C-alpha atoms as a PDB file:
ATOM      1  CA  MET A   1     107.698 114.528 118.863  1.00  0.00           C
ATOM      2  CA  GLY A   2     106.955 118.091 119.939  1.00  0.00           C
ATOM      3  CA  PHE A   3     109.407 119.176 117.240  1.00  0.00           C
ATOM      4  CA  VAL A   4     106.708 118.691 114.578  1.00  0.00           C
ATOM      5  CA  ALA A   5     104.348 121.120 116.277  1.00  0.00           C
ATOM      6  CA  ARG A   6     107.226 123.566 116.809  1.00  0.00           C
ATOM      7  CA  ALA A   7     108.183 123.316 113.140  1.00  0.00           C
ATOM      8  CA  VAL A   8     104.601 124.135 112.156  1.00  0.00           C
ATOM      9  CA  GLU A   9     104.549 127.048 114.589  1.00  0.00           C
ATOM     10  CA  SER A  10     107.713 128.449 112.964  1.00  0.00           C
ATOM     11  CA  ALA A  11     106.064 128.778 109.525  1.00  0.00           C
ATOM     12  CA  ARG A  12     105.719 132.277 108.126  1.00  0.00           C
ATOM     13  CA  HIS A  13     104.196 131.584 104.720  1.00  0.00           C
ATOM     14  CA  LEU A  14     103.455 127.926 103.962  1.00  0.00           C
ATOM     15  CA  VAL A  15     102.941 124.549 105.640  1.00  0.00           C
ATOM     16  CA  LEU A  16     102.561 121.358 103.610  1.00  0.00           C
ATOM     17  CA  LEU A  17     101.942 118.101 105.492  1.00  0.00           C
ATOM     18  CA  GLU A  18     101.360 114.682 103.956  1.00  0.00           C
ATOM     19  CA  VAL A  19     101.064 111.871 106.469  1.00  0.00           C
ATOM     20  CA  TYR A  20      99.528 108.427 106.762  1.00  0.00           C
ATOM     21  CA  GLU A  21      98.077 108.951 110.249  1.00  0.00           C
ATOM     22  CA  LEU A  22      97.448 112.179 112.171  1.00  0.00           C
ATOM     23  CA  GLU A  23      96.184 111.790 115.715  1.00  0.00           C
ATOM     24  CA  ASP A  24      98.315 114.264 117.667  1.00  0.00           C
ATOM     25  CA  PRO A  25      96.227 117.095 119.190  1.00  0.00           C
ATOM     26  CA  ALA A  26      99.276 119.377 119.522  1.00  0.00           C
ATOM     27  CA  VAL A  27     100.110 119.102 115.826  1.00  0.00           C
ATOM     28  CA  VAL A  28      96.480 119.582 114.815  1.00  0.00           C
ATOM     29  CA  ALA A  29      96.212 122.653 117.053  1.00  0.00           C
ATOM     30  CA  ALA A  30      99.428 124.103 115.588  1.00  0.00           C
ATOM     31  CA  LEU A  31      98.141 123.629 112.042  1.00  0.00           C
ATOM     32  CA  VAL A  32      94.869 125.372 112.868  1.00  0.00           C
ATOM     33  CA  ALA A  33      96.692 128.205 114.654  1.00  0.00           C
ATOM     34  CA  ARG A  34      98.940 128.886 111.674  1.00  0.00           C
ATOM     35  CA  ALA A  35      95.958 128.909 109.317  1.00  0.00           C
ATOM     36  CA  ARG A  36      94.227 131.444 111.577  1.00  0.00           C
ATOM     37  CA  SER A  37      97.421 133.556 111.399  1.00  0.00           C
ATOM     38  CA  HIS A  38      97.041 133.767 107.617  1.00  0.00           C
ATOM     39  CA  VAL A  39      99.716 131.169 106.850  1.00  0.00           C
ATOM     40  CA  THR A  40      98.778 128.875 103.966  1.00  0.00           C
ATOM     41  CA  VAL A  41      98.324 125.413 105.497  1.00  0.00           C
ATOM     42  CA  GLU A  42      97.608 122.396 103.294  1.00  0.00           C
ATOM     43  CA  VAL A  43      97.279 118.867 104.654  1.00  0.00           C
ATOM     44  CA  LEU A  44      96.889 115.539 102.872  1.00  0.00           C
ATOM     45  CA  LEU A  45      95.693 112.556 104.898  1.00  0.00           C
ATOM     46  CA  ASP A  46      95.481 108.938 103.796  1.00  0.00           C
ATOM     47  CA  LYS A  47      91.997 107.449 103.626  1.00  0.00           C
ATOM     48  CA  ASP A  48      92.749 103.948 102.353  1.00  0.00           C
ATOM     49  CA  TYR A  49      93.221 100.827 104.488  1.00  0.00           C
ATOM     50  CA  HIS A  50      92.378 101.835 108.094  1.00  0.00           C
ATOM     51  CA  ALA A  51      93.934 105.310 108.129  1.00  0.00           C
ATOM     52  CA  GLY A  52      90.656 107.002 107.206  1.00  0.00           C
ATOM     53  CA  THR A  53      89.169 105.950 110.537  1.00  0.00           C
ATOM     54  CA  VAL A  54      92.228 107.107 112.464  1.00  0.00           C
ATOM     55  CA  ASN A  55      92.339 110.433 110.615  1.00  0.00           C
ATOM     56  CA  SER A  56      88.631 111.298 110.686  1.00  0.00           C
ATOM     57  CA  ARG A  57      88.743 113.425 113.846  1.00  0.00           C
ATOM     58  CA  ALA A  58      91.814 115.385 112.718  1.00  0.00           C
ATOM     59  CA  PHE A  59      90.272 115.880 109.279  1.00  0.00           C
ATOM     60  CA  ALA A  60      87.096 117.358 110.793  1.00  0.00           C
ATOM     61  CA  THR A  61      89.024 119.590 113.199  1.00  0.00           C
ATOM     62  CA  LEU A  62      91.303 120.894 110.469  1.00  0.00           C
ATOM     63  CA  ARG A  63      88.404 121.636 108.147  1.00  0.00           C
ATOM     64  CA  ALA A  64      86.525 123.454 110.928  1.00  0.00           C
ATOM     65  CA  GLY A  65      89.711 125.437 111.582  1.00  0.00           C
ATOM     66  CA  HIS A  66      89.880 126.626 107.954  1.00  0.00           C
ATOM     67  CA  VAL A  67      92.875 124.458 107.079  1.00  0.00           C
ATOM     68  CA  ALA A  68      92.919 123.277 103.470  1.00  0.00           C
ATOM     69  CA  VAL A  69      92.724 119.521 104.025  1.00  0.00           C
ATOM     70  CA  ARG A  70      92.050 116.726 101.562  1.00  0.00           C
ATOM     71  CA  TRP A  71      91.938 112.956 101.514  1.00  0.00           C
ATOM     72  CA  THR A  72      94.503 111.278  99.286  1.00  0.00           C
ATOM     73  CA  ALA A  73      93.276 109.402  96.215  1.00  0.00           C
ATOM     74  CA  ALA A  74      91.424 106.151  96.781  1.00  0.00           C
ATOM     75  CA  SER A  75      92.858 102.721  95.963  1.00  0.00           C
ATOM     76  CA  TYR A  76      96.415 103.524  96.984  1.00  0.00           C
ATOM     77  CA  ILE A  77      98.009 103.736 100.407  1.00  0.00           C
ATOM     78  CA  PHE A  78      99.734 107.090 100.904  1.00  0.00           C
ATOM     79  CA  HIS A  79     102.180 106.037 103.609  1.00  0.00           C
ATOM     80  CA  GLU A  80     104.546 109.021 103.284  1.00  0.00           C
ATOM     81  CA  LYS A  81     105.371 111.109 106.354  1.00  0.00           C
ATOM     82  CA  ALA A  82     106.684 114.499 105.229  1.00  0.00           C
ATOM     83  CA  LEU A  83     106.391 118.129 106.269  1.00  0.00           C
ATOM     84  CA  VAL A  84     107.640 121.171 104.321  1.00  0.00           C
ATOM     85  CA  ILE A  85     107.894 124.590 105.949  1.00  0.00           C
ATOM     86  CA  ASP A  86     108.033 127.785 103.856  1.00  0.00           C
ATOM     87  CA  GLY A  87     109.242 125.809 100.838  1.00  0.00           C
ATOM     88  CA  THR A  88     112.791 125.595 102.191  1.00  0.00           C
ATOM     89  CA  THR A  89     113.023 122.980 104.946  1.00  0.00           C
ATOM     90  CA  ALA A  90     111.553 119.482 105.042  1.00  0.00           C
ATOM     91  CA  TRP A  91     111.055 116.895 107.751  1.00  0.00           C
ATOM     92  CA  VAL A  92     110.948 113.290 106.504  1.00  0.00           C
ATOM     93  CA  GLY A  93     110.078 110.542 108.925  1.00  0.00           C
ATOM     94  CA  THR A  94     109.371 106.912 109.616  1.00  0.00           C
ATOM     95  CA  GLY A  95     106.686 107.641 112.194  1.00  0.00           C
ATOM     96  CA  ASN A  96     103.041 108.577 112.089  1.00  0.00           C
ATOM     97  CA  LEU A  97     101.822 111.587 114.051  1.00  0.00           C
ATOM     98  CA  THR A  98      99.920 109.427 116.530  1.00  0.00           C
ATOM     99  CA  SER A  99     100.797 110.674 119.988  1.00  0.00           C
ATOM    100  CA  ARG A 100      99.682 107.652 121.997  1.00  0.00           C
ATOM    101  CA  TYR A 101     102.524 105.610 120.475  1.00  0.00           C
ATOM    102  CA  TYR A 102     105.377 108.087 120.849  1.00  0.00           C
ATOM    103  CA  ALA A 103     106.662 106.735 124.172  1.00  0.00           C
ATOM    104  CA  THR A 104     106.762 103.068 123.174  1.00  0.00           C
ATOM    105  CA  THR A 105     107.672 103.109 119.477  1.00  0.00           C
ATOM    106  CA  ARG A 106     111.015 103.431 117.696  1.00  0.00           C
ATOM    107  CA  ASP A 107     110.908 105.945 114.852  1.00  0.00           C
ATOM    108  CA  PHE A 108     113.222 108.444 113.175  1.00  0.00           C
ATOM    109  CA  TRP A 109     112.736 111.876 111.607  1.00  0.00           C
ATOM    110  CA  VAL A 110     115.322 113.717 109.530  1.00  0.00           C
ATOM    111  CA  VAL A 111     115.464 117.504 109.082  1.00  0.00           C
ATOM    112  CA  ASP A 112     116.359 118.218 105.451  1.00  0.00           C
ATOM    113  CA  SER A 113     117.444 121.753 104.552  1.00  0.00           C
ATOM    114  CA  ILE A 114     118.576 120.899 101.015  1.00  0.00           C
ATOM    115  CA  GLY A 115     116.609 123.206  98.751  1.00  0.00           C
ATOM    116  CA  ALA A 116     116.312 120.668  95.924  1.00  0.00           C
ATOM    117  CA  ASP A 117     114.731 118.169  98.321  1.00  0.00           C
ATOM    118  CA  ALA A 118     112.183 120.656  99.651  1.00  0.00           C
ATOM    119  CA  THR A 119     111.286 121.548  96.051  1.00  0.00           C
ATOM    120  CA  ALA A 120     110.928 117.895  95.073  1.00  0.00           C
ATOM    121  CA  ILE A 121     108.794 117.031  98.105  1.00  0.00           C
ATOM    122  CA  THR A 122     106.612 120.037  97.343  1.00  0.00           C
ATOM    123  CA  ALA A 123     106.203 118.796  93.747  1.00  0.00           C
ATOM    124  CA  GLY A 124     105.212 115.367  95.032  1.00  0.00           C
ATOM    125  CA  PHE A 125     102.706 116.954  97.389  1.00  0.00           C
ATOM    126  CA  ARG A 126     101.176 118.996  94.562  1.00  0.00           C
ATOM    127  CA  ALA A 127     100.750 115.882  92.407  1.00  0.00           C
ATOM    128  CA  ASP A 128      99.084 114.031  95.272  1.00  0.00           C
ATOM    129  CA  TRP A 129      96.924 117.088  96.046  1.00  0.00           C
ATOM    130  CA  ARG A 130      95.554 116.955  92.509  1.00  0.00           C
ATOM    131  CA  GLY A 131      94.663 113.302  92.999  1.00  0.00           C
ATOM    132  CA  ARG A 132      97.073 111.744  90.544  1.00  0.00           C
ATOM    133  CA  ALA A 133      97.938 108.084  90.863  1.00  0.00           C
ATOM    134  CA  PRO A 134     101.236 107.678  92.754  1.00  0.00           C
ATOM    135  CA  SER A 135     104.246 108.141  90.515  1.00  0.00           C
ATOM    136  CA  PRO A 136     107.820 109.142  91.336  1.00  0.00           C
ATOM    137  CA  ALA A 137     108.196 112.847  92.022  1.00  0.00           C
ATOM    138  CA  PRO A 138     111.385 114.793  91.241  1.00  0.00           C
ATOM    139  CA  ARG A 139     114.189 113.113  93.163  1.00  0.00           C
ATOM    140  CA  GLY A 140     115.878 116.167  94.600  1.00  0.00           C
ATOM    141  CA  ALA A 141     119.360 115.606  95.983  1.00  0.00           C
ATOM    142  CA  ASP A 142     118.885 112.396  97.976  1.00  0.00           C
ATOM    143  CA  LEU A 143     115.231 111.331  97.917  1.00  0.00           C
ATOM    144  CA  VAL A 144     113.864 107.849  97.252  1.00  0.00           C
ATOM    145  CA  TRP A 145     110.195 107.566  96.310  1.00  0.00           C
ATOM    146  CA  SER A 146     107.726 104.756  95.864  1.00  0.00           C
ATOM    147  CA  PRO A 147     106.368 103.430  93.647  1.00  0.00           C
ATOM    148  CA  GLY A 148     109.721 102.323  92.291  1.00  0.00           C
ATOM    149  CA  ALA A 149     112.052 101.913  95.291  1.00  0.00           C
ATOM    150  CA  GLU A 150     112.728  98.179  95.234  1.00  0.00           C
ATOM    151  CA  ALA A 151     115.762  98.361  92.931  1.00  0.00           C
ATOM    152  CA  THR A 152     117.305 101.132  95.050  1.00  0.00           C
ATOM    153  CA  VAL A 153     116.951  99.131  98.266  1.00  0.00           C
ATOM    154  CA  VAL A 154     118.342  95.960  96.691  1.00  0.00           C
ATOM    155  CA  GLY A 155     121.189  97.949  95.131  1.00  0.00           C
ATOM    156  CA  LEU A 156     122.124  99.446  98.496  1.00  0.00           C
ATOM    157  CA  ILE A 157     122.280  96.019 100.129  1.00  0.00           C
ATOM    158  CA  ASP A 158     124.276  94.671  97.191  1.00  0.00           C
ATOM    159  CA  SER A 159     126.783  97.509  97.660  1.00  0.00           C
ATOM    160  CA  ALA A 160     127.591  96.519 101.254  1.00  0.00           C
ATOM    161  CA  ARG A 161     131.150  95.366 101.865  1.00  0.00           C
ATOM    162  CA  HIS A 162     131.270  95.079 105.646  1.00  0.00           C
ATOM    163  CA  THR A 163     127.957  95.585 107.445  1.00  0.00           C
ATOM    164  CA  VAL A 164     124.224  95.884 106.910  1.00  0.00           C
ATOM    165  CA  SER A 165     122.103  96.999 109.865  1.00  0.00           C
ATOM    166  CA  LEU A 166     118.392  97.502 109.554  1.00  0.00           C
ATOM    167  CA  GLU A 167     115.154  98.053 111.371  1.00  0.00           C
ATOM    168  CA  THR A 168     111.813  97.652 109.673  1.00  0.00           C
ATOM    169  CA  GLU A 169     108.253  96.950 110.699  1.00  0.00           C
ATOM    170  CA  GLU A 170     107.657  94.590 107.759  1.00  0.00           C
ATOM    171  CA  LEU A 171     109.995  92.193 105.951  1.00  0.00           C
ATOM    172  CA  ALA A 172     108.137  90.538 103.099  1.00  0.00           C
ATOM    173  CA  ALA A 173     109.767  91.487  99.780  1.00  0.00           C
ATOM    174  CA  ASP A 174     111.526  88.470  98.257  1.00  0.00           C
ATOM    175  CA  PRO A 175     114.165  90.527  96.363  1.00  0.00           C
ATOM    176  CA  VAL A 176     115.170  92.296  99.577  1.00  0.00           C
ATOM    177  CA  VAL A 177     115.372  89.092 101.611  1.00  0.00           C
ATOM    178  CA  ASN A 178     117.384  87.495  98.810  1.00  0.00           C
ATOM    179  CA  ALA A 179     119.785  90.448  98.778  1.00  0.00           C
ATOM    180  CA  LEU A 180     120.259  90.200 102.552  1.00  0.00           C
ATOM    181  CA  VAL A 181     120.894  86.454 102.276  1.00  0.00           C
ATOM    182  CA  ALA A 182     123.421  87.068  99.488  1.00  0.00           C
ATOM    183  CA  ALA A 183     125.172  89.701 101.618  1.00  0.00           C
ATOM    184  CA  ALA A 184     125.483  87.235 104.504  1.00  0.00           C
ATOM    185  CA  HIS A 185     126.860  84.603 102.130  1.00  0.00           C
ATOM    186  CA  ARG A 186     129.632  86.982 101.041  1.00  0.00           C
ATOM    187  CA  HIS A 187     130.540  87.471 104.725  1.00  0.00           C
ATOM    188  CA  VAL A 188     128.897  90.843 105.241  1.00  0.00           C
ATOM    189  CA  ALA A 189     127.730  91.159 108.854  1.00  0.00           C
ATOM    190  CA  VAL A 190     123.936  91.433 108.499  1.00  0.00           C
ATOM    191  CA  ARG A 191     122.062  92.548 111.633  1.00  0.00           C
ATOM    192  CA  VAL A 192     118.279  92.831 111.647  1.00  0.00           C
ATOM    193  CA  THR A 193     116.174  94.182 114.516  1.00  0.00           C
ATOM    194  CA  MET A 194     112.389  93.865 114.346  1.00  0.00           C
ATOM    195  CA  THR A 195     109.320  93.345 116.457  1.00  0.00           C
ATOM    196  CA  TYR A 196     108.466  89.674 116.125  1.00  0.00           C
ATOM    197  CA  SER A 197     105.525  88.579 114.004  1.00  0.00           C
ATOM    198  CA  SER A 198     104.900  85.125 112.598  1.00  0.00           C
ATOM    199  CA  SER A 199     104.382  86.863 109.242  1.00  0.00           C
ATOM    200  CA  TRP A 200     108.144  87.427 109.001  1.00  0.00           C
ATOM    201  CA  ARG A 201     109.235  84.065 110.382  1.00  0.00           C
ATOM    202  CA  TRP A 202     110.048  82.652 106.937  1.00  0.00           C
ATOM    203  CA  ALA A 203     112.360  85.598 106.265  1.00  0.00           C
ATOM    204  CA  PHE A 204     113.993  85.301 109.694  1.00  0.00           C
ATOM    205  CA  ASN A 205     114.656  81.608 109.115  1.00  0.00           C
ATOM    206  CA  GLU A 206     116.250  82.240 105.720  1.00  0.00           C
ATOM    207  CA  LEU A 207     118.448  84.982 107.135  1.00  0.00           C
ATOM    208  CA  VAL A 208     119.605  82.976 110.150  1.00  0.00           C
ATOM    209  CA  ALA A 209     120.346  79.977 107.933  1.00  0.00           C
ATOM    210  CA  ALA A 210     122.565  82.234 105.788  1.00  0.00           C
ATOM    211  CA  GLY A 211     124.502  83.483 108.814  1.00  0.00           C
ATOM    212  CA  ALA A 212     122.703  86.772 109.454  1.00  0.00           C
ATOM    213  CA  GLN A 213     121.918  87.867 113.001  1.00  0.00           C
ATOM    214  CA  VAL A 214     118.239  88.541 113.724  1.00  0.00           C
ATOM    215  CA  HIS A 215     117.164  90.052 117.030  1.00  0.00           C
ATOM    216  CA  VAL A 216     113.516  90.553 117.952  1.00  0.00           C
ATOM    217  CA  ASP A 217     111.382  92.470 120.388  1.00  0.00           C
ATOM    218  CA  HIS A 218     107.973  91.218 121.447  1.00  0.00           C
ATOM    219  CA  GLY A 219     105.032  93.594 121.530  1.00  0.00           C
ATOM    220  CA  GLU A 220     106.336  96.814 123.047  1.00  0.00           C
ATOM    221  CA  SER A 221     109.059  95.146 125.086  1.00  0.00           C
ATOM    222  CA  PRO A 222     111.444  96.859 125.284  1.00  0.00           C
ATOM    223  CA  ILE A 223     110.100  98.916 122.359  1.00  0.00           C
ATOM    224  CA  TYR A 224     107.978  98.475 119.250  1.00  0.00           C
ATOM    225  CA  ILE A 225     110.088  98.698 116.093  1.00  0.00           C
ATOM    226  CA  HIS A 226     108.150 100.876 113.669  1.00  0.00           C
ATOM    227  CA  ALA A 227     111.273 102.526 112.217  1.00  0.00           C
ATOM    228  CA  LYS A 228     112.363 101.905 108.649  1.00  0.00           C
ATOM    229  CA  ALA A 229     116.127 102.423 108.511  1.00  0.00           C
ATOM    230  CA  LEU A 230     118.850 100.676 106.521  1.00  0.00           C
ATOM    231  CA  CYS A 231     122.500 101.387 107.379  1.00  0.00           C
ATOM    232  CA  ILE A 232     125.180 100.230 104.928  1.00  0.00           C
ATOM    233  CA  ASP A 233     128.833  99.992 106.064  1.00  0.00           C
ATOM    234  CA  CYS A 234     128.164 102.397 108.917  1.00  0.00           C
ATOM    235  CA  VAL A 235     131.108 103.058 111.251  1.00  0.00           C
ATOM    236  CA  LEU A 236     130.585 104.750 114.592  1.00  0.00           C
ATOM    237  CA  GLY A 237     133.101 107.349 115.732  1.00  0.00           C
ATOM    238  CA  SER A 238     134.519 110.748 114.926  1.00  0.00           C
ATOM    239  CA  HIS A 239     135.491 109.607 111.425  1.00  0.00           C
ATOM    240  CA  GLY A 240     132.397 107.503 110.919  1.00  0.00           C
ATOM    241  CA  ALA A 241     131.182 106.649 107.468  1.00  0.00           C
ATOM    242  CA  GLY A 242     128.293 104.834 105.854  1.00  0.00           C
ATOM    243  CA  THR A 243     125.058 105.276 103.956  1.00  0.00           C
ATOM    244  CA  VAL A 244     121.607 105.425 105.499  1.00  0.00           C
ATOM    245  CA  LEU A 245     118.202 105.001 103.898  1.00  0.00           C
ATOM    246  CA  VAL A 246     115.535 106.250 106.304  1.00  0.00           C
ATOM    247  CA  GLY A 247     111.887 107.110 105.752  1.00  0.00           C
ATOM    248  CA  SER A 248     108.481 105.555 105.318  1.00  0.00           C
ATOM    249  CA  HIS A 249     109.489 102.479 103.287  1.00  0.00           C
ATOM    250  CA  ASN A 250     108.796  99.122 104.842  1.00  0.00           C
ATOM    251  CA  LEU A 251     110.589  96.195 103.235  1.00  0.00           C
ATOM    252  CA  SER A 252     107.422  94.788 101.715  1.00  0.00           C
ATOM    253  CA  THR A 253     106.331  94.479  98.105  1.00  0.00           C
ATOM    254  CA  TYR A 254     103.460  96.963  98.405  1.00  0.00           C
ATOM    255  CA  SER A 255     105.599  99.533 100.185  1.00  0.00           C
ATOM    256  CA  LEU A 256     108.417  99.359  97.645  1.00  0.00           C
ATOM    257  CA  THR A 257     106.376  99.039  94.442  1.00  0.00           C
ATOM    258  CA  ARG A 258     102.860 100.433  94.917  1.00  0.00           C
ATOM    259  CA  ASN A 259     102.347 102.768  97.886  1.00  0.00           C
ATOM    260  CA  ARG A 260     103.282 106.424  98.010  1.00  0.00           C
ATOM    261  CA  GLU A 261     106.422 106.365 100.174  1.00  0.00           C
ATOM    262  CA  LEU A 262     109.321 108.725 100.767  1.00  0.00           C
ATOM    263  CA  SER A 263     112.779 108.135 102.248  1.00  0.00           C
ATOM    264  CA  ILE A 264     116.124 109.929 102.346  1.00  0.00           C
ATOM    265  CA  ARG A 265     119.351 108.269 101.216  1.00  0.00           C
ATOM    266  CA  THR A 266     122.343 110.049 102.690  1.00  0.00           C
ATOM    267  CA  THR A 267     125.983 109.780 103.736  1.00  0.00           C
ATOM    268  CA  ALA A 268     125.782 112.882 105.951  1.00  0.00           C
ATOM    269  CA  PRO A 269     127.452 112.024 109.297  1.00  0.00           C
ATOM    270  CA  SER A 270     124.857 114.143 111.131  1.00  0.00           C
ATOM    271  CA  VAL A 271     122.252 111.601 110.026  1.00  0.00           C
ATOM    272  CA  VAL A 272     124.302 108.406 109.724  1.00  0.00           C
ATOM    273  CA  GLN A 273     125.956 108.561 113.137  1.00  0.00           C
ATOM    274  CA  PRO A 274     122.884 108.911 115.406  1.00  0.00           C
ATOM    275  CA  ILE A 275     120.873 106.385 113.410  1.00  0.00           C
ATOM    276  CA  ALA A 276     123.732 103.873 113.413  1.00  0.00           C
ATOM    277  CA  ALA A 277     124.106 104.309 117.180  1.00  0.00           C
ATOM    278  CA  VAL A 278     120.405 103.703 117.811  1.00  0.00           C
ATOM    279  CA  LEU A 279     120.347 100.669 115.522  1.00  0.00           C
ATOM    280  CA  ARG A 280     123.256  99.187 117.451  1.00  0.00           C
ATOM    281  CA  SER A 281     121.618  99.915 120.817  1.00  0.00           C
ATOM    282  CA  ASP A 282     118.278  98.440 119.760  1.00  0.00           C
ATOM    283  CA  PHE A 283     119.981  95.341 118.346  1.00  0.00           C
ATOM    284  CA  LEU A 284     121.823  94.711 121.613  1.00  0.00           C
ATOM    285  CA  ALA A 285     118.658  95.261 123.672  1.00  0.00           C
ATOM    286  CA  ALA A 286     116.551  92.798 121.650  1.00  0.00           C
ATOM    287  CA  SER A 287     116.508  89.016 121.984  1.00  0.00           C
ATOM    288  CA  ARG A 288     118.328  86.690 119.595  1.00  0.00           C
ATOM    289  CA  TYR A 289     116.006  84.896 117.185  1.00  0.00           C
ATOM    290  CA  SER A 290     116.915  81.257 116.737  1.00  0.00           C
ATOM    291  CA  GLY A 291     113.904  79.865 114.871  1.00  0.00           C
END
């Protein structure tokens, strides 16, 4: 995860960071250092749910270091994980910037150099900075925002013809589970890898009954699945194809319909291939769920 600090250190004019949890001393130090070098640094941290407690130390350090830092608006969870450097390059991730979990947690980050995406993420940041209630920001080239992502996720699953592979921390949205069940019924190979929780047992049981394959990890063994990645008809190899949705969206009702969330939907092989490979590896390493 040192790439986040290095990205911040590369900034010449502007750093925008919006993240649910920030508890990485190296990232905090890089943000303060850039601000002291007369780079404009603006940081938005979530305060709702329990993130305010996690973020309190970073918030105080950033403010003392003359970084422009604000809490996101109350009453909504701002679960997005996005960084924009100099208005041209964005990093969109599934993981919080909480260093104590880096070694034991599965997460993904995507570097996005599409100008329209950087502009759209910046527009979303500006709306959140002004304290507006979450609403979809400009979509850019391949961005998916919440509120309002449920139909996109269901539509992606419905489009699958051969395979659906996914990792998610939460699986609690009925329309998504129904779409996965329907995909299994039409003989799409559905493979789900998650860290086991009794909260998702009902969904696991429905999926297994429909013919889907569910594999689970337990605790942090071999790894904690925090990633949020959906891979549709992904084919590994030099001519690989497929579509990936990767970002902060959990497959839960709040995440898809109420929180501020951001993911990237892409067919770019440079993103699809490594994510598909990791999903396959994690699936094979996890234990088969049988009810």
